[in-house]
Structures are given as structure tokens and as C-alpha cells.
Amino acid sequence: MQRLKTRAQFQAVLAGATVARTAHFALHRCALDAPAGAEPLFATEDMWLGAMVPKRWARRAVTRNAIKRQIYTVSAAVAESLPRAAHVVRLRAAFDRQKFVSATSDKLKAAVRAELQQLLERAATARA
């Protein structure tokens, strides 16, 4: 599994289709095909993954980093079930700070992990 690194890669994937959604996350996907004559954004035919956790939805850096780590860990575990394409997992809503008081609690990590597994299962069934 490769990680998205450049702004152009992220923009290309976000311009693609939204494949799956949950209460807090959205998964975007685009094919690895490059237009004729253009330099390819994705060097290898592999699964590419990027994580977007905006400060708007996760104010504390420790929380953003914990969510990103969960995204990459859960995605690596189910990478074989996803097609060879570029994917971006985007946080699209905040987790309730009244329910998850600590910035990086085990309870928050478990909730994020469970929702990410649900998101990736939906994406795997929406392969067509």
C-alpha cells in the first residue's frame, strides 16, 4: 500500500467518486489511469491511500494524529479487499467532545476503528 503525498494526488482523488460514507467518515476513490500525454500522478499500480483529518473537525493535534494512525492501520489490514485505485479517507464530522473527553483515549480509538471498519466494508461491497 502506497501513501498519497502531493496536493495534486489528493485533489485528483477528491474529484473522484465518494464510494462509502459513515456518520464521521467518507471514502473517495479514483482510478489510477493517467490522461494520454500527461505525467502520471501515481507511479505504481498499487493501492494508494491518503487520510484527511481537518482541524475543523478535530481541533487537537493529538486527536488528528490518533485518527490518522487508525485510518492507516485499519486500511492496511483490509487492503486486499479494496481495488487497485487511489483512496482518501476524509473525516467529515467531529466526534462528540462530551462523550470522548480525552484527546486520545482508548474509547475514542475503538470508536474510530469500528467506524473505519464499517466504512471499508461498505467500500469493498461497492466495488462495481
Protein backbone atom coordinates (compact mmCIF):
# COMPACT_ATOMS: atom_id res chain seq x y z
CA MET A 1 0.00 0.00 0.00
CA GLN A 2 1.34 3.41 -1.03
CA ARG A 3 0.53 6.71 0.69
CA LEU A 4 -0.64 9.82 -1.11
CA LYS A 5 1.83 12.65 -0.64
CA THR A 6 1.21 15.53 -3.04
CA ARG A 7 -1.60 18.03 -3.20
CA ALA A 8 -2.28 17.03 -6.82
CA GLN A 9 -2.79 13.41 -5.79
CA PHE A 10 -5.26 14.37 -3.06
CA GLN A 11 -7.14 16.72 -5.40
CA ALA A 12 -7.41 14.03 -8.09
CA VAL A 13 -8.87 11.52 -5.64
CA LEU A 14 -11.27 14.01 -4.05
CA ALA A 15 -12.54 14.88 -7.55
CA GLY A 16 -13.44 11.19 -7.97
CA ALA A 17 -16.47 9.41 -6.65
CA THR A 18 -17.48 9.08 -3.00
CA VAL A 19 -17.68 5.32 -2.58
CA ALA A 20 -18.84 4.97 1.03
CA ARG A 21 -19.91 7.10 3.99
CA THR A 22 -20.46 6.68 7.69
CA ALA A 23 -21.50 9.17 10.35
CA HIS A 24 -17.98 10.63 10.62
CA PHE A 25 -16.04 9.48 7.54
CA ALA A 26 -16.24 9.47 3.74
CA LEU A 27 -14.14 7.35 1.37
CA HIS A 28 -13.25 8.81 -2.03
CA ARG A 29 -11.80 6.73 -4.88
CA CYS A 30 -10.35 7.38 -8.32
CA ALA A 31 -8.77 5.15 -10.94
CA LEU A 32 -5.01 5.17 -11.43
CA ASP A 33 -5.30 5.92 -15.17
CA ALA A 34 -3.39 8.95 -16.39
CA PRO A 35 -4.71 11.01 -19.31
CA ALA A 36 -2.85 10.46 -22.59
CA GLY A 37 0.33 12.54 -22.75
CA ALA A 38 0.14 13.60 -19.09
CA GLU A 39 2.64 12.65 -16.43
CA PRO A 40 1.05 10.04 -14.13
CA LEU A 41 0.24 11.08 -10.57
CA PHE A 42 0.51 7.53 -9.29
CA ALA A 43 3.81 5.83 -10.17
CA THR A 44 2.82 2.22 -9.47
CA GLU A 45 -0.28 0.09 -9.97
CA ASP A 46 -0.85 -0.42 -6.27
CA MET A 47 -3.46 0.60 -3.73
CA TRP A 48 -2.88 4.23 -2.73
CA LEU A 49 -4.27 5.73 0.46
CA GLY A 50 -4.44 9.19 1.94
CA ALA A 51 -6.01 10.48 5.16
CA MET A 52 -7.61 13.89 5.61
CA VAL A 53 -8.42 14.94 9.14
CA PRO A 54 -9.24 18.66 9.07
CA LYS A 55 -8.65 20.85 12.08
CA ARG A 56 -12.27 21.94 11.74
CA TRP A 57 -13.46 18.50 12.91
CA ALA A 58 -10.61 17.50 15.23
CA ARG A 59 -9.21 20.57 16.98
CA ARG A 60 -6.38 18.93 18.91
CA ALA A 61 -3.30 17.74 17.01
CA VAL A 62 -3.04 14.67 19.21
CA THR A 63 -6.57 13.66 18.17
CA ARG A 64 -5.89 14.29 14.48
CA ASN A 65 -2.74 12.16 14.63
CA ALA A 66 -4.50 9.35 16.50
CA ILE A 67 -7.30 9.28 13.92
CA LYS A 68 -4.79 9.23 11.04
CA ARG A 69 -2.90 6.33 12.64
CA GLN A 70 -6.18 4.42 12.97
CA ILE A 71 -7.02 5.12 9.30
CA TYR A 72 -3.69 3.73 8.07
CA THR A 73 -3.73 0.73 10.44
CA VAL A 74 -7.28 -0.37 9.65
CA SER A 75 -6.79 0.22 5.92
CA ALA A 76 -3.62 -1.88 5.85
CA ALA A 77 -5.50 -4.76 7.44
CA VAL A 78 -8.18 -4.79 4.71
CA ALA A 79 -6.09 -3.59 1.76
CA GLU A 80 -6.51 -6.83 -0.19
CA SER A 81 -10.30 -6.42 -0.28
CA LEU A 82 -10.09 -2.96 -1.89
CA PRO A 83 -9.41 -2.47 -5.61
CA ARG A 84 -6.13 -1.16 -7.02
CA ALA A 85 -7.01 2.53 -7.02
CA ALA A 86 -6.30 5.72 -5.11
CA HIS A 87 -8.36 6.27 -1.96
CA VAL A 88 -8.79 9.11 0.52
CA VAL A 89 -10.47 8.64 3.88
CA ARG A 90 -11.84 12.02 4.97
CA LEU A 91 -13.15 12.97 8.40
CA ARG A 92 -16.38 14.84 7.74
CA ALA A 93 -17.82 15.35 11.22
CA ALA A 94 -16.47 15.86 14.73
CA PHE A 95 -16.54 13.23 17.44
CA ASP A 96 -18.50 14.49 20.45
CA ARG A 97 -16.09 16.00 22.98
CA GLN A 98 -18.63 15.44 25.77
CA LYS A 99 -18.54 11.70 25.08
CA PHE A 100 -14.79 11.48 24.35
CA VAL A 101 -13.25 13.85 26.90
CA SER A 102 -9.65 12.70 26.45
CA ALA A 103 -7.91 13.75 23.25
CA THR A 104 -6.62 10.26 22.54
CA SER A 105 -8.49 7.80 24.78
CA ASP A 106 -8.84 4.09 24.11
CA LYS A 107 -12.59 4.65 23.89
CA LEU A 108 -12.11 7.18 21.05
CA LYS A 109 -9.68 4.90 19.22
CA ALA A 110 -12.10 1.98 19.47
CA ALA A 111 -14.97 4.10 18.13
CA VAL A 112 -12.83 5.35 15.23
CA ARG A 113 -11.60 1.83 14.45
CA ALA A 114 -15.13 0.38 14.44
CA GLU A 115 -16.44 3.10 12.15
CA LEU A 116 -13.49 2.76 9.78
CA GLN A 117 -14.03 -0.99 9.52
CA GLN A 118 -17.67 -0.32 8.66
CA LEU A 119 -16.62 2.26 6.04
CA LEU A 120 -14.12 -0.06 4.38
CA GLU A 121 -16.58 -2.97 4.37
CA ARG A 122 -19.08 -0.77 2.53
CA ALA A 123 -16.38 0.27 0.06
CA ALA A 124 -15.41 -3.34 -0.60
CA THR A 125 -19.01 -4.27 -1.41
CA ALA A 126 -19.37 -1.20 -3.67
CA ARG A 127 -16.52 -2.33 -5.95
CA ALA A 128 -18.66 -2.48 -9.05
